Amino acid sequence: MDEDGYYLEVLTAERNLLYLEAKELKGKCIHNVFPALQADLFLGAIRRAIKTGESDFLEYQLKVPAGLRWFEGRTGLHSKGYY
C-alpha cells in the first residue's frame, strides 16, 4: 500500500483468507474495500511506519470465505518505498 491507502501489490498463497480476490484489491483504496474501522487502523499503521521508518503491528477481525478470523497486520519499509 502507499501512504494514501491504495493497494500496490497483494501477496498471499491463501485465497480463502483474503477479504477479496487479489486482483480486486490491487489499485483500490483501503477505504473502498474494508469496513471503516479496519481501514482507519490500517492506514494509521502505514502512515506511522512512513513517518518513523519503523514497523508497526495491529490485530483485527474480519469475515473472510474461511469464516470469521483474527489477523495480524504488520507494516514496514519496502525497498520500493511502499508498505
Protein backbone atom coordinates (compact mmCIF):
# COMPACT_ATOMS: atom_id res chain seq x y z
CA MET A 1 0.00 0.00 0.00
CA ASP A 2 1.03 3.55 -0.47
CA GLU A 3 0.59 6.37 2.06
CA ASP A 4 -2.90 7.13 0.71
CA GLY A 5 -4.08 3.57 1.33
CA TYR A 6 -4.04 2.25 -2.24
CA TYR A 7 -3.04 -1.36 -2.84
CA LEU A 8 0.06 -1.58 -5.00
CA GLU A 9 0.63 -5.31 -4.63
CA VAL A 10 -1.11 -8.24 -2.92
CA LEU A 11 0.91 -11.30 -1.94
CA THR A 12 -0.66 -14.42 -0.46
CA ALA A 13 -0.97 -18.11 -1.12
CA GLU A 14 -4.22 -18.43 0.84
CA ARG A 15 -7.15 -17.12 -1.24
CA ASN A 16 -9.69 -18.22 1.41
CA LEU A 17 -8.04 -15.81 3.87
CA LEU A 18 -8.36 -12.76 1.61
CA TYR A 19 -11.23 -10.34 2.12
CA LEU A 20 -11.47 -10.02 -1.70
CA GLU A 21 -9.60 -11.59 -4.60
CA ALA A 22 -6.09 -10.15 -5.02
CA LYS A 23 -7.00 -8.83 -8.48
CA GLU A 24 -9.96 -6.97 -6.92
CA LEU A 25 -7.74 -5.33 -4.27
CA LYS A 26 -4.91 -4.09 -6.48
CA GLY A 27 -5.29 -0.38 -7.24
CA LYS A 28 -8.18 0.15 -4.83
CA CYS A 29 -8.22 2.37 -1.78
CA ILE A 30 -8.44 0.53 1.51
CA HIS A 31 -11.44 2.67 2.49
CA ASN A 32 -13.34 1.32 -0.53
CA VAL A 33 -12.62 -2.27 0.47
CA PHE A 34 -12.64 -2.77 4.24
CA PRO A 35 -15.04 -1.64 6.97
CA ALA A 36 -14.21 1.90 8.13
CA LEU A 37 -12.73 0.88 11.49
CA GLN A 38 -10.26 -1.60 9.98
CA ALA A 39 -9.40 0.73 7.11
CA ASP A 40 -8.63 3.56 9.55
CA LEU A 41 -6.46 1.26 11.68
CA PHE A 42 -4.53 0.00 8.64
CA LEU A 43 -3.94 3.44 7.20
CA GLY A 44 -2.83 4.79 10.58
CA ALA A 45 -0.28 1.98 10.90
CA ILE A 46 1.00 2.61 7.37
CA ARG A 47 1.37 6.34 7.97
CA ARG A 48 3.18 5.77 11.28
CA ALA A 49 5.64 3.46 9.51
CA ILE A 50 6.21 6.07 6.80
CA LYS A 51 6.75 8.83 9.37
CA THR A 52 9.02 6.89 11.72
CA GLY A 53 10.60 4.33 9.41
CA GLU A 54 9.72 1.66 11.98
CA SER A 55 7.47 -1.36 11.68
CA ASP A 56 4.02 -1.27 13.22
CA PHE A 57 1.71 -4.09 14.29
CA LEU A 58 -2.05 -4.45 14.65
CA GLU A 59 -4.63 -7.18 15.16
CA TYR A 60 -8.06 -7.18 13.57
CA GLN A 61 -11.00 -9.45 12.90
CA LEU A 62 -12.68 -9.95 9.51
CA LYS A 63 -15.16 -12.29 7.97
CA VAL A 64 -13.48 -14.00 5.01
CA PRO A 65 -14.51 -17.04 2.92
CA ALA A 66 -12.93 -19.29 5.60
CA GLY A 67 -15.18 -17.67 8.27
CA LEU A 68 -14.68 -15.05 10.98
CA ARG A 69 -10.94 -14.88 11.62
CA TRP A 70 -8.40 -12.85 13.60
CA PHE A 71 -5.49 -11.47 11.62
CA GLU A 72 -2.18 -9.86 12.41
CA GLY A 73 -1.07 -6.93 10.29
CA ARG A 74 2.46 -5.58 10.09
CA THR A 75 3.89 -2.62 8.28
CA GLY A 76 7.47 -1.96 7.25
CA LEU A 77 9.57 -0.21 4.69
CA HIS A 78 9.85 -1.88 1.33
CA SER A 79 12.79 -1.42 -0.99
CA LYS A 80 10.48 0.37 -3.44
CA GLY A 81 9.38 2.80 -0.75
CA TYR A 82 5.89 1.47 -0.05
CA TYR A 83 4.44 -0.66 2.73
